C-alpha cells in the first residue's frame, strides 16, 4: 500500500466510560465500548494522515489539532485499528452516513453538513466497517495496532 495515495479511513478506538473537554466544543460524555472515527485523506499527504493518527496515539507528544486528537490523547481511549482505502472520491460523508447509528453529535464534522463523524458501538465494529467499505466498492486494508 502506498500511503501517499489519497483516501478515506476509519479509526477504531476502544474506550472506558469517561467525560472530558474537546477543545472549544465543550465537555463530551463517552460510553464504554468502541468509537469509530471517519476521516478523509484527500490532501497532499494522502493516507500518511493515518500514520500521524497512529503516532499520536502511541506517543501522545503533540497538542490536539482536530477533534479526534483529543481521543488519541485521552488515557481512556486506545486506538486498536484503522481501516483505510485509496480513493480520490469525496466519500468521507457517504461513509459516515452508511456507518450511522449512535453518534457523538457535532464531532469531527465542522467542515460538512453531517451530524457527526464519530460513532459508538458496544461491540468491536471491525466486521461492520469492512462491510461498509465493500458496499462502497472500496478496496480496504486494515492496520492493527
N, C-alpha and C. Protein backbone atom coordinates (compact mmCIF):
# COMPACT_ATOMS: atom_id res chain seq x y z
N UNK A 1 0.84 -1.20 0.00
CA UNK A 1 0.00 0.00 0.00
C UNK A 1 0.87 1.24 0.00
N UNK A 2 0.55 2.16 -0.86
CA UNK A 2 1.27 3.43 -0.94
C UNK A 2 0.50 4.47 -0.13
N UNK A 3 1.09 4.87 0.99
CA UNK A 3 0.41 5.80 1.89
C UNK A 3 0.38 7.23 1.36
N UNK A 4 1.04 7.49 0.23
CA UNK A 4 0.95 8.84 -0.33
C UNK A 4 -0.33 8.99 -1.17
N UNK A 5 -1.02 7.87 -1.43
CA UNK A 5 -2.29 7.92 -2.17
C UNK A 5 -3.36 8.61 -1.33
N UNK A 6 -4.28 9.27 -2.00
CA UNK A 6 -5.42 9.88 -1.32
C UNK A 6 -6.37 8.76 -0.91
N UNK A 7 -7.22 9.05 0.09
CA UNK A 7 -8.13 8.00 0.52
C UNK A 7 -9.10 8.42 1.60
N UNK A 8 -9.74 7.41 2.16
CA UNK A 8 -10.71 7.57 3.24
C UNK A 8 -10.37 6.52 4.29
N UNK A 9 -10.72 6.78 5.55
CA UNK A 9 -10.34 5.84 6.60
C UNK A 9 -11.31 5.90 7.78
N UNK A 10 -11.28 4.84 8.57
CA UNK A 10 -11.98 4.78 9.85
C UNK A 10 -10.95 4.39 10.90
N UNK A 11 -10.96 5.11 12.00
CA UNK A 11 -10.15 4.75 13.16
C UNK A 11 -11.08 4.09 14.17
N UNK A 12 -10.67 2.97 14.71
CA UNK A 12 -11.48 2.27 15.71
C UNK A 12 -10.77 2.35 17.05
N UNK A 13 -11.47 2.96 18.01
CA UNK A 13 -10.96 3.11 19.37
C UNK A 13 -11.75 2.21 20.30
N UNK A 14 -11.08 1.65 21.30
CA UNK A 14 -11.76 1.00 22.41
C UNK A 14 -11.59 1.94 23.59
N UNK A 15 -12.64 2.11 24.39
CA UNK A 15 -12.54 3.08 25.47
C UNK A 15 -13.37 2.70 26.70
N UNK A 16 -12.94 3.28 27.82
CA UNK A 16 -13.69 3.22 29.08
C UNK A 16 -14.69 4.36 29.07
N UNK A 17 -15.70 4.27 29.91
CA UNK A 17 -16.63 5.39 30.06
C UNK A 17 -15.85 6.57 30.62
N UNK A 18 -16.09 7.75 30.08
CA UNK A 18 -15.36 8.93 30.53
C UNK A 18 -16.07 10.19 30.08
N UNK A 19 -15.59 11.31 30.58
CA UNK A 19 -16.13 12.62 30.23
C UNK A 19 -14.94 13.58 30.21
N UNK A 20 -14.80 14.35 29.13
CA UNK A 20 -13.71 15.33 29.06
C UNK A 20 -13.99 16.38 28.01
N UNK A 21 -13.20 17.46 28.05
CA UNK A 21 -13.35 18.60 27.14
C UNK A 21 -12.75 18.29 25.77
N UNK A 22 -13.47 18.70 24.74
CA UNK A 22 -12.97 18.59 23.36
C UNK A 22 -12.84 20.01 22.84
N UNK A 23 -11.69 20.61 23.08
CA UNK A 23 -11.43 21.97 22.60
C UNK A 23 -12.54 22.94 22.94
N UNK A 24 -12.93 23.73 21.96
CA UNK A 24 -13.98 24.74 22.14
C UNK A 24 -15.38 24.14 22.07
N UNK A 25 -15.47 22.84 21.72
CA UNK A 25 -16.78 22.19 21.61
C UNK A 25 -17.40 21.93 22.99
N UNK A 26 -16.56 21.93 24.03
CA UNK A 26 -17.07 21.70 25.37
C UNK A 26 -16.89 20.27 25.84
N UNK A 27 -17.63 19.92 26.90
CA UNK A 27 -17.47 18.61 27.52
C UNK A 27 -18.34 17.57 26.82
N UNK A 28 -17.76 16.41 26.59
CA UNK A 28 -18.46 15.29 25.97
C UNK A 28 -18.40 14.10 26.91
N UNK A 29 -19.46 13.32 26.94
CA UNK A 29 -19.50 12.06 27.69
C UNK A 29 -19.43 10.91 26.71
N UNK A 30 -18.62 9.91 27.03
CA UNK A 30 -18.44 8.75 26.16
C UNK A 30 -18.79 7.48 26.93
N UNK A 31 -19.62 6.65 26.34
CA UNK A 31 -19.96 5.36 26.92
C UNK A 31 -18.79 4.40 26.71
N UNK A 32 -18.65 3.42 27.60
CA UNK A 32 -17.62 2.39 27.42
C UNK A 32 -17.97 1.55 26.20
N UNK A 33 -16.98 1.18 25.45
CA UNK A 33 -17.19 0.36 24.25
C UNK A 33 -16.21 0.73 23.16
N UNK A 34 -16.74 1.00 21.97
CA UNK A 34 -15.91 1.30 20.80
C UNK A 34 -16.44 2.55 20.11
N UNK A 35 -15.52 3.35 19.62
CA UNK A 35 -15.89 4.53 18.84
C UNK A 35 -15.18 4.47 17.50
N UNK A 36 -15.90 4.83 16.45
CA UNK A 36 -15.41 4.81 15.08
C UNK A 36 -15.34 6.24 14.59
N UNK A 37 -14.16 6.66 14.21
CA UNK A 37 -13.99 8.00 13.64
C UNK A 37 -13.80 7.86 12.14
N UNK A 38 -14.55 8.62 11.36
CA UNK A 38 -14.46 8.58 9.90
C UNK A 38 -13.71 9.82 9.42
N UNK A 39 -12.67 9.61 8.63
CA UNK A 39 -11.88 10.73 8.13
C UNK A 39 -11.51 10.57 6.67
N UNK A 40 -11.05 11.66 6.09
CA UNK A 40 -10.58 11.60 4.70
C UNK A 40 -9.12 12.03 4.65
N UNK A 41 -8.45 11.56 3.64
CA UNK A 41 -7.04 11.88 3.43
C UNK A 41 -6.89 12.29 1.97
N UNK A 42 -7.52 13.38 1.62
CA UNK A 42 -7.51 13.83 0.22
C UNK A 42 -6.47 14.92 -0.03
N UNK A 43 -5.78 15.33 1.02
CA UNK A 43 -4.75 16.35 0.87
C UNK A 43 -3.47 15.80 0.29
N UNK A 44 -2.46 16.65 0.23
CA UNK A 44 -1.20 16.28 -0.42
C UNK A 44 -0.49 15.10 0.25
N UNK A 45 -0.67 14.91 1.53
CA UNK A 45 -0.01 13.80 2.24
C UNK A 45 -0.72 12.47 2.06
N UNK A 46 -1.97 12.52 1.60
CA UNK A 46 -2.73 11.29 1.40
C UNK A 46 -2.91 10.52 2.69
N UNK A 47 -2.86 9.20 2.57
CA UNK A 47 -3.11 8.33 3.72
C UNK A 47 -2.00 8.35 4.76
N UNK A 48 -0.97 9.15 4.54
CA UNK A 48 0.04 9.35 5.58
C UNK A 48 -0.62 9.96 6.82
N UNK A 49 -1.78 10.58 6.63
CA UNK A 49 -2.53 11.14 7.75
C UNK A 49 -2.86 10.04 8.77
N UNK A 50 -3.12 8.83 8.30
CA UNK A 50 -3.42 7.72 9.20
C UNK A 50 -2.20 7.42 10.07
N UNK A 51 -1.02 7.48 9.48
CA UNK A 51 0.21 7.26 10.25
C UNK A 51 0.36 8.34 11.32
N UNK A 52 -0.04 9.57 11.01
CA UNK A 52 0.00 10.64 12.00
C UNK A 52 -0.90 10.29 13.19
N UNK A 53 -2.10 9.78 12.89
CA UNK A 53 -3.02 9.38 13.95
C UNK A 53 -2.40 8.28 14.83
N UNK A 54 -1.82 7.29 14.19
CA UNK A 54 -1.22 6.18 14.93
C UNK A 54 -0.08 6.69 15.80
N UNK A 55 0.79 7.53 15.24
CA UNK A 55 1.90 8.09 16.02
C UNK A 55 1.41 8.89 17.22
N UNK A 56 0.37 9.69 17.03
CA UNK A 56 -0.15 10.50 18.13
C UNK A 56 -0.73 9.60 19.22
N UNK A 57 -1.42 8.53 18.84
CA UNK A 57 -1.98 7.61 19.83
C UNK A 57 -0.88 6.91 20.63
N UNK A 58 0.21 6.57 19.96
CA UNK A 58 1.31 5.87 20.64
C UNK A 58 2.13 6.81 21.52
N UNK A 59 2.51 7.95 20.96
CA UNK A 59 3.45 8.86 21.64
C UNK A 59 2.77 9.90 22.52
N UNK A 60 1.58 10.33 22.12
CA UNK A 60 0.85 11.38 22.85
C UNK A 60 1.76 12.58 23.12
N UNK A 61 2.45 13.01 22.07
CA UNK A 61 3.51 14.00 22.21
C UNK A 61 3.22 15.35 21.56
N UNK A 62 1.96 15.59 21.14
CA UNK A 62 1.63 16.86 20.49
C UNK A 62 0.32 17.39 21.05
N UNK A 63 0.12 18.67 20.89
CA UNK A 63 -1.15 19.26 21.28
C UNK A 63 -2.21 18.90 20.24
N UNK A 64 -3.48 18.83 20.65
CA UNK A 64 -4.54 18.48 19.70
C UNK A 64 -4.76 19.55 18.65
N UNK A 65 -5.00 19.09 17.42
CA UNK A 65 -5.28 19.99 16.31
C UNK A 65 -6.72 19.81 15.83
N UNK A 66 -7.17 18.55 15.77
CA UNK A 66 -8.52 18.21 15.34
C UNK A 66 -9.26 17.55 16.49
N UNK A 67 -10.59 17.46 16.37
CA UNK A 67 -11.40 16.84 17.42
C UNK A 67 -10.88 15.45 17.79
N UNK A 68 -10.57 14.65 16.79
CA UNK A 68 -10.15 13.27 17.04
C UNK A 68 -8.85 13.20 17.84
N UNK A 69 -8.02 14.24 17.76
CA UNK A 69 -6.77 14.24 18.51
C UNK A 69 -7.01 14.15 20.01
N UNK A 70 -8.12 14.69 20.48
CA UNK A 70 -8.44 14.61 21.91
C UNK A 70 -8.67 13.17 22.33
N UNK A 71 -9.18 12.33 21.44
CA UNK A 71 -9.35 10.91 21.75
C UNK A 71 -8.00 10.24 21.85
N UNK A 72 -7.12 10.53 20.90
CA UNK A 72 -5.78 9.95 20.91
C UNK A 72 -5.05 10.27 22.21
N UNK A 73 -5.26 11.47 22.72
CA UNK A 73 -4.51 11.95 23.88
C UNK A 73 -5.13 11.56 25.22
N UNK A 74 -6.36 11.09 25.22
CA UNK A 74 -7.03 10.75 26.47
C UNK A 74 -6.71 9.31 26.87
N UNK A 75 -6.28 9.09 28.12
CA UNK A 75 -5.91 7.73 28.55
C UNK A 75 -7.07 6.73 28.57
N UNK A 76 -8.30 7.21 28.51
CA UNK A 76 -9.46 6.30 28.48
C UNK A 76 -9.68 5.69 27.10
N UNK A 77 -9.03 6.26 26.08
CA UNK A 77 -9.18 5.80 24.70
C UNK A 77 -7.92 5.11 24.23
N UNK A 78 -8.10 4.00 23.48
CA UNK A 78 -6.97 3.28 22.89
C UNK A 78 -7.31 2.97 21.43
N UNK A 79 -6.50 3.47 20.52
CA UNK A 79 -6.68 3.17 19.10
C UNK A 79 -6.30 1.71 18.88
N UNK A 80 -7.25 0.92 18.36
CA UNK A 80 -6.96 -0.51 18.17
C UNK A 80 -6.77 -0.90 16.71
N UNK A 81 -7.36 -0.13 15.79
CA UNK A 81 -7.14 -0.43 14.37
C UNK A 81 -7.58 0.73 13.49
N UNK A 82 -7.13 0.68 12.26
CA UNK A 82 -7.53 1.66 11.24
C UNK A 82 -7.87 0.88 9.99
N UNK A 83 -8.98 1.25 9.38
CA UNK A 83 -9.39 0.65 8.11
C UNK A 83 -9.29 1.76 7.07
N UNK A 84 -8.52 1.52 6.02
CA UNK A 84 -8.22 2.55 5.02
C UNK A 84 -8.52 2.04 3.62
N UNK A 85 -8.78 2.97 2.73
CA UNK A 85 -8.94 2.61 1.31
C UNK A 85 -8.49 3.76 0.44
N UNK A 86 -7.72 3.47 -0.59
CA UNK A 86 -7.34 4.53 -1.53
C UNK A 86 -8.52 4.93 -2.39
N UNK A 87 -8.71 6.22 -2.54
CA UNK A 87 -9.73 6.78 -3.44
C UNK A 87 -9.49 8.28 -3.55
N UNK A 88 -9.81 8.83 -4.68
CA UNK A 88 -9.73 10.29 -4.81
C UNK A 88 -11.13 10.89 -4.72
N UNK A 89 -12.15 10.03 -4.58
CA UNK A 89 -13.53 10.50 -4.45
C UNK A 89 -13.79 11.00 -3.03
N UNK A 90 -14.64 11.99 -2.92
CA UNK A 90 -15.01 12.54 -1.61
C UNK A 90 -16.07 11.65 -0.97
N UNK A 91 -15.63 10.59 -0.31
CA UNK A 91 -16.55 9.60 0.25
C UNK A 91 -16.66 9.64 1.76
N UNK A 92 -15.98 10.57 2.41
CA UNK A 92 -15.99 10.63 3.88
C UNK A 92 -17.41 10.72 4.43
N UNK A 93 -18.21 11.63 3.91
CA UNK A 93 -19.57 11.82 4.42
C UNK A 93 -20.48 10.64 4.06
N UNK A 94 -20.28 10.06 2.88
CA UNK A 94 -21.04 8.88 2.48
C UNK A 94 -20.71 7.72 3.42
N UNK A 95 -19.44 7.54 3.72
CA UNK A 95 -19.00 6.50 4.64
C UNK A 95 -19.62 6.73 6.02
N UNK A 96 -19.58 7.96 6.49
CA UNK A 96 -20.16 8.29 7.81
C UNK A 96 -21.66 7.98 7.83
N UNK A 97 -22.37 8.34 6.77
CA UNK A 97 -23.83 8.10 6.77
C UNK A 97 -24.14 6.60 6.68
N UNK A 98 -23.31 5.83 5.99
CA UNK A 98 -23.51 4.38 5.91
C UNK A 98 -23.24 3.69 7.24
N UNK A 99 -22.28 4.21 8.01
CA UNK A 99 -22.00 3.64 9.33
C UNK A 99 -23.14 4.01 10.27
N UNK A 100 -23.45 5.29 10.35
CA UNK A 100 -24.60 5.77 11.10
C UNK A 100 -24.76 5.18 12.49
N UNK A 101 -25.97 5.24 12.99
CA UNK A 101 -26.27 4.71 14.32
C UNK A 101 -25.91 5.71 15.40
N UNK A 102 -25.70 5.21 16.60
CA UNK A 102 -25.36 6.07 17.74
C UNK A 102 -24.12 6.88 17.42
N UNK A 103 -24.23 8.19 17.61
CA UNK A 103 -23.11 9.06 17.27
C UNK A 103 -22.92 10.13 18.33
N UNK A 104 -21.78 10.79 18.26
CA UNK A 104 -21.45 11.91 19.14
C UNK A 104 -21.71 13.17 18.32
N UNK A 105 -22.82 13.82 18.59
CA UNK A 105 -23.30 14.94 17.78
C UNK A 105 -22.27 16.06 17.68
N UNK A 106 -22.03 16.50 16.44
CA UNK A 106 -21.13 17.62 16.18
C UNK A 106 -19.66 17.30 16.20
N UNK A 107 -19.30 16.04 16.31
CA UNK A 107 -17.90 15.64 16.43
C UNK A 107 -17.28 15.37 15.06
N UNK A 108 -16.19 16.09 14.75
CA UNK A 108 -15.40 15.82 13.56
C UNK A 108 -16.05 16.21 12.25
N UNK A 109 -17.06 17.07 12.30
CA UNK A 109 -17.78 17.39 11.07
C UNK A 109 -18.01 18.89 10.93
N UNK A 110 -17.05 19.67 11.33
CA UNK A 110 -17.21 21.13 11.25
C UNK A 110 -17.15 21.65 9.82
N UNK A 111 -16.59 20.85 8.90
CA UNK A 111 -16.45 21.31 7.52
C UNK A 111 -17.44 20.64 6.57
N UNK A 112 -18.53 20.07 7.12
CA UNK A 112 -19.55 19.45 6.27
C UNK A 112 -20.91 19.57 6.94
N UNK A 113 -21.93 19.02 6.31
CA UNK A 113 -23.29 19.12 6.84
C UNK A 113 -23.71 17.90 7.66
N UNK A 114 -22.79 16.98 7.90
CA UNK A 114 -23.11 15.78 8.67
C UNK A 114 -23.37 16.12 10.13
N UNK A 115 -24.13 15.26 10.80
CA UNK A 115 -24.38 15.41 12.23
C UNK A 115 -23.15 14.98 13.04
N UNK A 116 -22.40 14.01 12.53
CA UNK A 116 -21.24 13.50 13.25
C UNK A 116 -20.35 12.67 12.33
N UNK A 117 -19.08 12.56 12.73
CA UNK A 117 -18.15 11.63 12.10
C UNK A 117 -17.56 10.69 13.15
N UNK A 118 -18.23 10.62 14.33
CA UNK A 118 -17.80 9.72 15.40
C UNK A 118 -19.01 8.91 15.86
N UNK A 119 -18.86 7.58 15.80
CA UNK A 119 -19.97 6.68 16.06
C UNK A 119 -19.62 5.70 17.17
N UNK A 120 -20.64 5.29 17.90
CA UNK A 120 -20.47 4.41 19.06
C UNK A 120 -21.02 3.02 18.78
N UNK A 121 -20.31 2.01 19.26
CA UNK A 121 -20.79 0.63 19.24
C UNK A 121 -20.42 -0.03 20.57
N UNK A 122 -21.27 -0.95 21.02
CA UNK A 122 -20.98 -1.71 22.25
C UNK A 122 -19.91 -2.76 22.01
N UNK A 123 -19.94 -3.34 20.80
CA UNK A 123 -19.00 -4.42 20.45
C UNK A 123 -18.07 -3.95 19.34
N UNK A 124 -16.95 -4.65 19.18
CA UNK A 124 -15.97 -4.29 18.16
C UNK A 124 -16.65 -4.23 16.78
N UNK A 125 -16.59 -3.07 16.12
CA UNK A 125 -17.29 -2.88 14.86
C UNK A 125 -16.49 -3.25 13.61
N UNK A 126 -15.34 -3.86 13.77
CA UNK A 126 -14.47 -4.11 12.62
C UNK A 126 -15.20 -4.81 11.45
N UNK A 127 -15.93 -5.93 11.70
CA UNK A 127 -16.61 -6.59 10.56
C UNK A 127 -17.62 -5.67 9.87
N UNK A 128 -18.34 -4.89 10.65
CA UNK A 128 -19.31 -3.94 10.09
C UNK A 128 -18.62 -2.88 9.23
N UNK A 129 -17.50 -2.38 9.69
CA UNK A 129 -16.78 -1.33 8.97
C UNK A 129 -16.25 -1.86 7.64
N UNK A 130 -15.63 -3.02 7.67
CA UNK A 130 -15.10 -3.58 6.42
C UNK A 130 -16.23 -3.84 5.41
N UNK A 131 -17.40 -4.23 5.90
CA UNK A 131 -18.55 -4.45 5.03
C UNK A 131 -19.00 -3.14 4.37
N UNK A 132 -19.00 -2.05 5.12
CA UNK A 132 -19.39 -0.74 4.56
C UNK A 132 -18.42 -0.33 3.46
N UNK A 133 -17.12 -0.56 3.68
CA UNK A 133 -16.13 -0.25 2.64
C UNK A 133 -16.42 -1.06 1.38
N UNK A 134 -16.73 -2.35 1.55
CA UNK A 134 -17.04 -3.21 0.40
C UNK A 134 -18.26 -2.73 -0.35
N UNK A 135 -19.32 -2.37 0.39
CA UNK A 135 -20.56 -1.88 -0.23
C UNK A 135 -20.28 -0.64 -1.08
N UNK A 136 -19.34 0.19 -0.64
CA UNK A 136 -18.99 1.40 -1.38
C UNK A 136 -17.99 1.13 -2.51
N UNK A 137 -17.62 -0.15 -2.69
CA UNK A 137 -16.71 -0.52 -3.77
C UNK A 137 -15.26 -0.15 -3.50
N UNK A 138 -14.90 -0.03 -2.22
CA UNK A 138 -13.54 0.36 -1.86
C UNK A 138 -12.72 -0.86 -1.48
N UNK A 139 -11.47 -0.88 -1.89
CA UNK A 139 -10.53 -1.96 -1.52
C UNK A 139 -9.86 -1.57 -0.21
N UNK A 140 -10.45 -2.01 0.88
CA UNK A 140 -9.96 -1.62 2.21
C UNK A 140 -8.82 -2.50 2.66
N UNK A 141 -7.97 -1.92 3.48
CA UNK A 141 -6.93 -2.69 4.18
C UNK A 141 -6.93 -2.22 5.62
N UNK A 142 -6.51 -3.11 6.52
CA UNK A 142 -6.55 -2.80 7.93
C UNK A 142 -5.15 -2.70 8.51
N UNK A 143 -4.99 -1.75 9.40
CA UNK A 143 -3.77 -1.64 10.19
C UNK A 143 -4.18 -1.94 11.62
N UNK A 144 -3.67 -3.06 12.15
CA UNK A 144 -3.99 -3.42 13.52
C UNK A 144 -2.90 -2.90 14.42
N UNK A 145 -3.27 -2.39 15.57
CA UNK A 145 -2.28 -1.76 16.46
C UNK A 145 -2.07 -2.57 17.71
